[in-house]
Every structure is written in C-alpha cells, then in structure tokens.
Amino acid sequence: MDLLLALNHLLNFTAPALAVAVLLVACSHVFMRKLARAHGWIAPIAINFVVGCCVLVAGLVLLGRDGRMATYAGLAAACATSQWLLLRAWRG
C-alpha cells in the first residue's frame, strides 16, 4: 500500500467522526443558541472529532471490523454525551 492509498483509507475511516462532529455542533447552535454561543465552533468540533475517532478505533479493535452499526451507534452516543458535557446542559 503506497502513501496516497493509506491516506485515503485514513480519511475515509475518520470521515464519519468529522461529519457527526460538524453536524452536532451546527445543530447545537440552532437548537441551543444561548448555551452554544459561548463556546464557538472550532473547539467543540475538534473535541467531538477526537472523541469520535477514539470510538471508531475502539470499535475497530473490539469488533474486529470497520463500519459495524454498533460502532456508529457508539459514535453518536459518545459525541452527543461529549457535546452535552461541553455545553453543561445539565444546568438547564
């Protein structure tokens, strides 16, 4: 496998984490304006992306294969929990 092909595989592996992170932060700015306004865009996207990549790697290691639905469910749950913690939404 050459470098370009390896980079393509890596980008395709992390693309769901980036998509979930961007959509989650965008939706939080639409639906939770007061809480999300103070946190900006870049930091929450970066944090959710890192959390999502960790979940994808854990799913690959534990399940032995990339792209299982359990991994994607874990990705959504972990990113949502991370965003909830970032916004301190438990305070109301």
PDB file of N, CA and C in Angstrom:
ATOM      1  N   MET A   1       0.853  -1.168   0.000  1.00  0.00           N
ATOM      2  CA  MET A   1       0.000   0.000   0.000  1.00  0.00           C
ATOM      3  C   MET A   1       0.903   1.237   0.000  1.00  0.00           C
ATOM      4  N   ASP A   2       0.693   2.091  -0.947  1.00  0.00           N
ATOM      5  CA  ASP A   2       1.501   3.303  -1.010  1.00  0.00           C
ATOM      6  C   ASP A   2       0.919   4.379  -0.090  1.00  0.00           C
ATOM      7  N   LEU A   3       1.626   5.480   0.025  1.00  0.00           N
ATOM      8  CA  LEU A   3       1.257   6.545   0.955  1.00  0.00           C
ATOM      9  C   LEU A   3      -0.092   7.177   0.614  1.00  0.00           C
ATOM     10  N   LEU A   4      -0.349   7.400  -0.639  1.00  0.00           N
ATOM     11  CA  LEU A   4      -1.606   8.029  -1.055  1.00  0.00           C
ATOM     12  C   LEU A   4      -2.801   7.141  -0.741  1.00  0.00           C
ATOM     13  N   LEU A   5      -2.668   5.857  -0.959  1.00  0.00           N
ATOM     14  CA  LEU A   5      -3.752   4.925  -0.652  1.00  0.00           C
ATOM     15  C   LEU A   5      -3.979   4.829   0.853  1.00  0.00           C
ATOM     16  N   ALA A   6      -2.903   4.821   1.631  1.00  0.00           N
ATOM     17  CA  ALA A   6      -3.028   4.787   3.089  1.00  0.00           C
ATOM     18  C   ALA A   6      -3.713   6.053   3.607  1.00  0.00           C
ATOM     19  N   LEU A   7      -3.369   7.190   3.034  1.00  0.00           N
ATOM     20  CA  LEU A   7      -4.011   8.443   3.426  1.00  0.00           C
ATOM     21  C   LEU A   7      -5.494   8.433   3.067  1.00  0.00           C
ATOM     22  N   ASN A   8      -5.828   7.882   1.926  1.00  0.00           N
ATOM     23  CA  ASN A   8      -7.226   7.764   1.517  1.00  0.00           C
ATOM     24  C   ASN A   8      -8.012   6.890   2.492  1.00  0.00           C
ATOM     25  N   HIS A   9      -7.431   5.777   2.910  1.00  0.00           N
ATOM     26  CA  HIS A   9      -8.094   4.904   3.877  1.00  0.00           C
ATOM     27  C   HIS A   9      -8.275   5.611   5.215  1.00  0.00           C
ATOM     28  N   LEU A  10      -7.269   6.339   5.649  1.00  0.00           N
ATOM     29  CA  LEU A  10      -7.358   7.055   6.914  1.00  0.00           C
ATOM     30  C   LEU A  10      -8.431   8.147   6.869  1.00  0.00           C
ATOM     31  N   LEU A  11      -8.492   8.879   5.775  1.00  0.00           N
ATOM     32  CA  LEU A  11      -9.512   9.923   5.645  1.00  0.00           C
ATOM     33  C   LEU A  11     -10.918   9.327   5.585  1.00  0.00           C
ATOM     34  N   ASN A  12     -11.070   8.221   4.893  1.00  0.00           N
ATOM     35  CA  ASN A  12     -12.379   7.561   4.840  1.00  0.00           C
ATOM     36  C   ASN A  12     -12.760   6.958   6.179  1.00  0.00           C
ATOM     37  N   PHE A  13     -11.784   6.539   6.976  1.00  0.00           N
ATOM     38  CA  PHE A  13     -12.067   5.989   8.288  1.00  0.00           C
ATOM     39  C   PHE A  13     -12.550   7.078   9.246  1.00  0.00           C
ATOM     40  N   THR A  14     -11.961   8.273   9.158  1.00  0.00           N
ATOM     41  CA  THR A  14     -12.308   9.351  10.085  1.00  0.00           C
ATOM     42  C   THR A  14     -13.436  10.255   9.596  1.00  0.00           C
ATOM     43  N   ALA A  15     -13.881  10.082   8.371  1.00  0.00           N
ATOM     44  CA  ALA A  15     -14.930  10.948   7.823  1.00  0.00           C
ATOM     45  C   ALA A  15     -16.231  10.912   8.627  1.00  0.00           C
ATOM     46  N   PRO A  16     -16.711   9.744   9.098  1.00  0.00           N
ATOM     47  CA  PRO A  16     -17.940   9.777   9.906  1.00  0.00           C
ATOM     48  C   PRO A  16     -17.787  10.578  11.195  1.00  0.00           C
ATOM     49  N   ALA A  17     -16.626  10.509  11.829  1.00  0.00           N
ATOM     50  CA  ALA A  17     -16.413  11.271  13.058  1.00  0.00           C
ATOM     51  C   ALA A  17     -16.454  12.771  12.779  1.00  0.00           C
ATOM     52  N   LEU A  18     -15.860  13.188  11.672  1.00  0.00           N
ATOM     53  CA  LEU A  18     -15.881  14.614  11.324  1.00  0.00           C
ATOM     54  C   LEU A  18     -17.290  15.068  10.973  1.00  0.00           C
ATOM     55  N   ALA A  19     -18.021  14.265  10.225  1.00  0.00           N
ATOM     56  CA  ALA A  19     -19.388  14.634   9.843  1.00  0.00           C
ATOM     57  C   ALA A  19     -20.288  14.748  11.068  1.00  0.00           C
ATOM     58  N   VAL A  20     -20.183  13.805  11.983  1.00  0.00           N
ATOM     59  CA  VAL A  20     -21.003  13.853  13.196  1.00  0.00           C
ATOM     60  C   VAL A  20     -20.622  15.062  14.039  1.00  0.00           C
ATOM     61  N   ALA A  21     -19.339  15.357  14.159  1.00  0.00           N
ATOM     62  CA  ALA A  21     -18.898  16.492  14.961  1.00  0.00           C
ATOM     63  C   ALA A  21     -19.422  17.808  14.392  1.00  0.00           C
ATOM     64  N   VAL A  22     -19.296  17.993  13.106  1.00  0.00           N
ATOM     65  CA  VAL A  22     -19.745  19.250  12.485  1.00  0.00           C
ATOM     66  C   VAL A  22     -21.262  19.388  12.582  1.00  0.00           C
ATOM     67  N   LEU A  23     -21.985  18.324  12.280  1.00  0.00           N
ATOM     68  CA  LEU A  23     -23.452  18.390  12.340  1.00  0.00           C
ATOM     69  C   LEU A  23     -23.949  18.590  13.768  1.00  0.00           C
ATOM     70  N   LEU A  24     -23.303  17.961  14.717  1.00  0.00           N
ATOM     71  CA  LEU A  24     -23.721  18.095  16.106  1.00  0.00           C
ATOM     72  C   LEU A  24     -23.526  19.518  16.614  1.00  0.00           C
ATOM     73  N   VAL A  25     -22.398  20.109  16.302  1.00  0.00           N
ATOM     74  CA  VAL A  25     -22.139  21.480  16.741  1.00  0.00           C
ATOM     75  C   VAL A  25     -23.057  22.456  16.003  1.00  0.00           C
ATOM     76  N   ALA A  26     -23.285  22.221  14.727  1.00  0.00           N
ATOM     77  CA  ALA A  26     -24.202  23.096  13.973  1.00  0.00           C
ATOM     78  C   ALA A  26     -25.619  23.012  14.530  1.00  0.00           C
ATOM     79  N   CYS A  27     -26.080  21.820  14.847  1.00  0.00           N
ATOM     80  CA  CYS A  27     -27.425  21.668  15.417  1.00  0.00           C
ATOM     81  C   CYS A  27     -27.514  22.268  16.814  1.00  0.00           C
ATOM     82  N   SER A  28     -26.437  22.180  17.574  1.00  0.00           N
ATOM     83  CA  SER A  28     -26.478  22.795  18.901  1.00  0.00           C
ATOM     84  C   SER A  28     -26.549  24.315  18.796  1.00  0.00           C
ATOM     85  N   HIS A  29     -25.948  24.887  17.755  1.00  0.00           N
ATOM     86  CA  HIS A  29     -26.035  26.336  17.563  1.00  0.00           C
ATOM     87  C   HIS A  29     -27.422  26.748  17.079  1.00  0.00           C
ATOM     88  N   VAL A  30     -28.144  25.840  16.459  1.00  0.00           N
ATOM     89  CA  VAL A  30     -29.503  26.147  16.015  1.00  0.00           C
ATOM     90  C   VAL A  30     -30.504  25.953  17.147  1.00  0.00           C
ATOM     91  N   PHE A  31     -30.399  24.836  17.870  1.00  0.00           N
ATOM     92  CA  PHE A  31     -31.417  24.482  18.851  1.00  0.00           C
ATOM     93  C   PHE A  31     -31.101  24.920  20.278  1.00  0.00           C
ATOM     94  N   MET A  32     -29.834  25.160  20.590  1.00  0.00           N
ATOM     95  CA  MET A  32     -29.446  25.569  21.941  1.00  0.00           C
ATOM     96  C   MET A  32     -28.588  26.832  21.847  1.00  0.00           C
ATOM     97  N   ARG A  33     -29.124  27.868  21.297  1.00  0.00           N
ATOM     98  CA  ARG A  33     -28.361  29.066  20.963  1.00  0.00           C
ATOM     99  C   ARG A  33     -27.650  29.689  22.150  1.00  0.00           C
ATOM    100  N   LYS A  34     -28.337  29.833  23.254  1.00  0.00           N
ATOM    101  CA  LYS A  34     -27.740  30.527  24.401  1.00  0.00           C
ATOM    102  C   LYS A  34     -26.553  29.753  24.965  1.00  0.00           C
ATOM    103  N   LEU A  35     -26.662  28.442  25.039  1.00  0.00           N
ATOM    104  CA  LEU A  35     -25.569  27.643  25.583  1.00  0.00           C
ATOM    105  C   LEU A  35     -24.407  27.528  24.606  1.00  0.00           C
ATOM    106  N   ALA A  36     -24.712  27.343  23.333  1.00  0.00           N
ATOM    107  CA  ALA A  36     -23.673  27.081  22.337  1.00  0.00           C
ATOM    108  C   ALA A  36     -22.920  28.341  21.923  1.00  0.00           C
ATOM    109  N   ARG A  37     -23.541  29.489  22.049  1.00  0.00           N
ATOM    110  CA  ARG A  37     -22.913  30.731  21.587  1.00  0.00           C
ATOM    111  C   ARG A  37     -21.604  31.015  22.314  1.00  0.00           C
ATOM    112  N   ALA A  38     -21.530  30.673  23.576  1.00  0.00           N
ATOM    113  CA  ALA A  38     -20.346  30.975  24.373  1.00  0.00           C
ATOM    114  C   ALA A  38     -19.154  30.087  24.037  1.00  0.00           C
ATOM    115  N   HIS A  39     -19.382  28.971  23.381  1.00  0.00           N
ATOM    116  CA  HIS A  39     -18.304  28.011  23.134  1.00  0.00           C
ATOM    117  C   HIS A  39     -17.710  28.086  21.734  1.00  0.00           C
ATOM    118  N   GLY A  40     -18.323  28.810  20.841  1.00  0.00           N
ATOM    119  CA  GLY A  40     -17.789  28.938  19.485  1.00  0.00           C
ATOM    120  C   GLY A  40     -17.990  27.681  18.647  1.00  0.00           C
ATOM    121  N   TRP A  41     -17.163  27.545  17.610  1.00  0.00           N
ATOM    122  CA  TRP A  41     -17.322  26.430  16.672  1.00  0.00           C
ATOM    123  C   TRP A  41     -16.121  25.492  16.656  1.00  0.00           C
ATOM    124  N   ILE A  42     -14.929  26.034  16.623  1.00  0.00           N
ATOM    125  CA  ILE A  42     -13.732  25.231  16.364  1.00  0.00           C
ATOM    126  C   ILE A  42     -13.441  24.245  17.496  1.00  0.00           C
ATOM    127  N   ALA A  43     -13.429  24.707  18.729  1.00  0.00           N
ATOM    128  CA  ALA A  43     -13.089  23.829  19.852  1.00  0.00           C
ATOM    129  C   ALA A  43     -14.079  22.678  20.024  1.00  0.00           C
ATOM    130  N   PRO A  44     -15.401  22.924  19.994  1.00  0.00           N
ATOM    131  CA  PRO A  44     -16.317  21.789  20.120  1.00  0.00           C
ATOM    132  C   PRO A  44     -16.213  20.795  18.962  1.00  0.00           C
ATOM    133  N   ILE A  45     -15.991  21.305  17.744  1.00  0.00           N
ATOM    134  CA  ILE A  45     -15.834  20.385  16.614  1.00  0.00           C
ATOM    135  C   ILE A  45     -14.577  19.542  16.813  1.00  0.00           C
ATOM    136  N   ALA A  46     -13.490  20.151  17.233  1.00  0.00           N
ATOM    137  CA  ALA A  46     -12.243  19.411  17.437  1.00  0.00           C
ATOM    138  C   ALA A  46     -12.385  18.376  18.549  1.00  0.00           C
ATOM    139  N   ILE A  47     -13.014  18.735  19.646  1.00  0.00           N
ATOM    140  CA  ILE A  47     -13.185  17.801  20.759  1.00  0.00           C
ATOM    141  C   ILE A  47     -14.087  16.640  20.353  1.00  0.00           C
ATOM    142  N   ASN A  48     -15.200  16.950  19.695  1.00  0.00           N
ATOM    143  CA  ASN A  48     -16.102  15.883  19.255  1.00  0.00           C
ATOM    144  C   ASN A  48     -15.452  15.005  18.194  1.00  0.00           C
ATOM    145  N   PHE A  49     -14.611  15.574  17.352  1.00  0.00           N
ATOM    146  CA  PHE A  49     -13.899  14.786  16.348  1.00  0.00           C
ATOM    147  C   PHE A  49     -12.920  13.812  17.006  1.00  0.00           C
ATOM    148  N   VAL A  50     -12.201  14.273  18.004  1.00  0.00           N
ATOM    149  CA  VAL A  50     -11.260  13.396  18.711  1.00  0.00           C
ATOM    150  C   VAL A  50     -12.008  12.284  19.444  1.00  0.00           C
ATOM    151  N   VAL A  51     -13.102  12.627  20.100  1.00  0.00           N
ATOM    152  CA  VAL A  51     -13.920  11.615  20.778  1.00  0.00           C
ATOM    153  C   VAL A  51     -14.447  10.603  19.766  1.00  0.00           C
ATOM    154  N   GLY A  52     -14.924  11.088  18.631  1.00  0.00           N
ATOM    155  CA  GLY A  52     -15.440  10.194  17.592  1.00  0.00           C
ATOM    156  C   GLY A  52     -14.371   9.283  17.022  1.00  0.00           C
ATOM    157  N   CYS A  53     -13.180   9.801  16.811  1.00  0.00           N
ATOM    158  CA  CYS A  53     -12.085   8.964  16.301  1.00  0.00           C
ATOM    159  C   CYS A  53     -11.700   7.894  17.315  1.00  0.00           C
ATOM    160  N   CYS A  54     -11.710   8.235  18.591  1.00  0.00           N
ATOM    161  CA  CYS A  54     -11.408   7.241  19.624  1.00  0.00           C
ATOM    162  C   CYS A  54     -12.457   6.132  19.638  1.00  0.00           C
ATOM    163  N   VAL A  55     -13.718   6.497  19.474  1.00  0.00           N
ATOM    164  CA  VAL A  55     -14.781   5.487  19.420  1.00  0.00           C
ATOM    165  C   VAL A  55     -14.631   4.615  18.180  1.00  0.00           C
ATOM    166  N   LEU A  56     -14.288   5.202  17.048  1.00  0.00           N
ATOM    167  CA  LEU A  56     -14.103   4.405  15.836  1.00  0.00           C
ATOM    168  C   LEU A  56     -12.937   3.431  15.968  1.00  0.00           C
ATOM    169  N   VAL A  57     -11.851   3.862  16.572  1.00  0.00           N
ATOM    170  CA  VAL A  57     -10.706   2.970  16.788  1.00  0.00           C
ATOM    171  C   VAL A  57     -11.083   1.868  17.774  1.00  0.00           C
ATOM    172  N   ALA A  58     -11.793   2.226  18.843  1.00  0.00           N
ATOM    173  CA  ALA A  58     -12.224   1.212  19.810  1.00  0.00           C
ATOM    174  C   ALA A  58     -13.166   0.197  19.159  1.00  0.00           C
ATOM    175  N   GLY A  59     -14.063   0.662  18.310  1.00  0.00           N
ATOM    176  CA  GLY A  59     -14.953  -0.255  17.599  1.00  0.00           C
ATOM    177  C   GLY A  59     -14.198  -1.169  16.659  1.00  0.00           C
ATOM    178  N   LEU A  60     -13.177  -0.648  16.012  1.00  0.00           N
ATOM    179  CA  LEU A  60     -12.350  -1.466  15.122  1.00  0.00           C
ATOM    180  C   LEU A  60     -11.599  -2.533  15.914  1.00  0.00           C
ATOM    181  N   VAL A  61     -11.061  -2.152  17.062  1.00  0.00           N
ATOM    182  CA  VAL A  61     -10.299  -3.100  17.874  1.00  0.00           C
ATOM    183  C   VAL A  61     -11.219  -4.145  18.503  1.00  0.00           C
ATOM    184  N   LEU A  62     -12.325  -3.712  19.083  1.00  0.00           N
ATOM    185  CA  LEU A  62     -13.213  -4.631  19.791  1.00  0.00           C
ATOM    186  C   LEU A  62     -14.021  -5.530  18.864  1.00  0.00           C
ATOM    187  N   LEU A  63     -14.505  -4.977  17.767  1.00  0.00           N
ATOM    188  CA  LEU A  63     -15.368  -5.748  16.869  1.00  0.00           C
ATOM    189  C   LEU A  63     -14.609  -6.391  15.721  1.00  0.00           C
ATOM    190  N   GLY A  64     -13.386  -5.971  15.512  1.00  0.00           N
ATOM    191  CA  GLY A  64     -12.556  -6.608  14.503  1.00  0.00           C
ATOM    192  C   GLY A  64     -12.794  -6.165  13.075  1.00  0.00           C
ATOM    193  N   ARG A  65     -13.692  -5.235  12.888  1.00  0.00           N
ATOM    194  CA  ARG A  65     -14.011  -4.784  11.546  1.00  0.00           C
ATOM    195  C   ARG A  65     -14.526  -3.358  11.580  1.00  0.00           C
ATOM    196  N   ASP A  66     -14.212  -2.612  10.557  1.00  0.00           N
ATOM    197  CA  ASP A  66     -14.658  -1.226  10.461  1.00  0.00           C
ATOM    198  C   ASP A  66     -16.074  -1.196   9.884  1.00  0.00           C
ATOM    199  N   GLY A  67     -16.869  -0.234  10.321  1.00  0.00           N
ATOM    200  CA  GLY A  67     -18.167   0.001   9.714  1.00  0.00           C
ATOM    201  C   GLY A  67     -19.318  -0.778  10.313  1.00  0.00           C
ATOM    202  N   ARG A  68     -19.169  -1.305  11.502  1.00  0.00           N
ATOM    203  CA  ARG A  68     -20.283  -2.005  12.147  1.00  0.00           C
ATOM    204  C   ARG A  68     -21.262  -0.978  12.708  1.00  0.00           C
ATOM    205  N   MET A  69     -22.529  -1.331  12.704  1.00  0.00           N
ATOM    206  CA  MET A  69     -23.546  -0.399  13.185  1.00  0.00           C
ATOM    207  C   MET A  69     -23.403  -0.097  14.671  1.00  0.00           C
ATOM    208  N   ALA A  70     -22.905  -1.063  15.445  1.00  0.00           N
ATOM    209  CA  ALA A  70     -22.681  -0.814  16.873  1.00  0.00           C
ATOM    210  C   ALA A  70     -21.639   0.283  17.074  1.00  0.00           C
ATOM    211  N   THR A  71     -20.638   0.317  16.214  1.00  0.00           N
ATOM    212  CA  THR A  71     -19.616   1.365  16.300  1.00  0.00           C
ATOM    213  C   THR A  71     -20.222   2.728  15.992  1.00  0.00           C
ATOM    214  N   TYR A  72     -21.071   2.787  14.991  1.00  0.00           N
ATOM    215  CA  TYR A  72     -21.691   4.061  14.641  1.00  0.00           C
ATOM    216  C   TYR A  72     -22.686   4.511  15.712  1.00  0.00           C
ATOM    217  N   ALA A  73     -23.367   3.569  16.357  1.00  0.00           N
ATOM    218  CA  ALA A  73     -24.246   3.927  17.473  1.00  0.00           C
ATOM    219  C   ALA A  73     -23.426   4.472  18.633  1.00  0.00           C
ATOM    220  N   GLY A  74     -22.292   3.839  18.896  1.00  0.00           N
ATOM    221  CA  GLY A  74     -21.395   4.342  19.936  1.00  0.00           C
ATOM    222  C   GLY A  74     -20.830   5.703  19.594  1.00  0.00           C
ATOM    223  N   LEU A  75     -20.552   5.921  18.307  1.00  0.00           N
ATOM    224  CA  LEU A  75     -20.061   7.222  17.840  1.00  0.00           C
ATOM    225  C   LEU A  75     -21.089   8.309  18.124  1.00  0.00           C
ATOM    226  N   ALA A  76     -22.329   8.055  17.786  1.00  0.00           N
ATOM    227  CA  ALA A  76     -23.378   9.045  18.018  1.00  0.00           C
ATOM    228  C   ALA A  76     -23.581   9.298  19.509  1.00  0.00           C
ATOM    229  N   ALA A  77     -23.600   8.229  20.305  1.00  0.00           N
ATOM    230  CA  ALA A  77     -23.808   8.381  21.748  1.00  0.00           C
ATOM    231  C   ALA A  77     -22.634   9.103  22.411  1.00  0.00           C
ATOM    232  N   ALA A  78     -21.420   8.764  22.035  1.00  0.00           N
ATOM    233  CA  ALA A  78     -20.248   9.391  22.656  1.00  0.00           C
ATOM    234  C   ALA A  78     -20.142  10.869  22.280  1.00  0.00           C
ATOM    235  N   CYS A  79     -20.389  11.187  21.029  1.00  0.00           N
ATOM    236  CA  CYS A  79     -20.318  12.596  20.605  1.00  0.00           C
ATOM    237  C   CYS A  79     -21.441  13.422  21.228  1.00  0.00           C
ATOM    238  N   ALA A  80     -22.628  12.839  21.334  1.00  0.00           N
ATOM    239  CA  ALA A  80     -23.734  13.555  21.965  1.00  0.00           C
ATOM    240  C   ALA A  80     -23.444  13.800  23.445  1.00  0.00           C
ATOM    241  N   THR A  81     -22.877  12.806  24.119  1.00  0.00           N
ATOM    242  CA  THR A  81     -22.519  12.970  25.525  1.00  0.00           C
ATOM    243  C   THR A  81     -21.424  14.016  25.695  1.00  0.00           C
ATOM    244  N   SER A  82     -20.458  13.990  24.805  1.00  0.00           N
ATOM    245  CA  SER A  82     -19.379  14.969  24.860  1.00  0.00           C
ATOM    246  C   SER A  82     -19.900  16.390  24.646  1.00  0.00           C
ATOM    247  N   GLN A  83     -20.803  16.564  23.699  1.00  0.00           N
ATOM    248  CA  GLN A  83     -21.387  17.883  23.447  1.00  0.00           C
ATOM    249  C   GLN A  83     -22.237  18.327  24.633  1.00  0.00           C
ATOM    250  N   TRP A  84     -22.953  17.408  25.221  1.00  0.00           N
ATOM    251  CA  TRP A  84     -23.777  17.709  26.385  1.00  0.00           C
ATOM    252  C   TRP A  84     -22.898  18.181  27.543  1.00  0.00           C
ATOM    253  N   LEU A  85     -21.757  17.504  27.724  1.00  0.00           N
ATOM    254  CA  LEU A  85     -20.831  17.914  28.776  1.00  0.00           C
ATOM    255  C   LEU A  85     -20.161  19.249  28.457  1.00  0.00           C
ATOM    256  N   LEU A  86     -19.810  19.470  27.198  1.00  0.00           N
ATOM    257  CA  LEU A  86     -19.184  20.738  26.811  1.00  0.00           C
ATOM    258  C   LEU A  86     -20.120  21.924  27.058  1.00  0.00           C
ATOM    259  N   LEU A  87     -21.393  21.748  26.759  1.00  0.00           N
ATOM    260  CA  LEU A  87     -22.352  22.831  26.913  1.00  0.00           C
ATOM    261  C   LEU A  87     -22.866  22.952  28.354  1.00  0.00           C
ATOM    262  N   ARG A  88     -22.504  22.001  29.195  1.00  0.00           N
ATOM    263  CA  ARG A  88     -23.017  21.937  30.572  1.00  0.00           C
ATOM    264  C   ARG A  88     -24.536  22.040  30.568  1.00  0.00           C
ATOM    265  N   ALA A  89     -25.139  21.212  29.749  1.00  0.00           N
ATOM    266  CA  ALA A  89     -26.582  21.270  29.527  1.00  0.00           C
ATOM    267  C   ALA A  89     -27.380  20.734  30.701  1.00  0.00           C
ATOM    268  N   TRP A  90     -26.742  20.051  31.637  1.00  0.00           N
ATOM    269  CA  TRP A  90     -27.473  19.549  32.791  1.00  0.00           C
ATOM    270  C   TRP A  90     -27.953  20.674  33.688  1.00  0.00           C
ATOM    271  N   ARG A  91     -27.353  21.848  33.535  1.00  0.00           N
ATOM    272  CA  ARG A  91     -27.763  23.000  34.342  1.00  0.00           C
ATOM    273  C   ARG A  91     -29.079  23.605  33.862  1.00  0.00           C
ATOM    274  N   GLY A  92     -29.437  23.281  32.633  1.00  0.00           N
ATOM    275  CA  GLY A  92     -30.715  23.740  32.128  1.00  0.00           C
ATOM    276  C   GLY A  92     -30.568  24.932  31.308  1.00  0.00           C
TER     277      GLY A  92
END
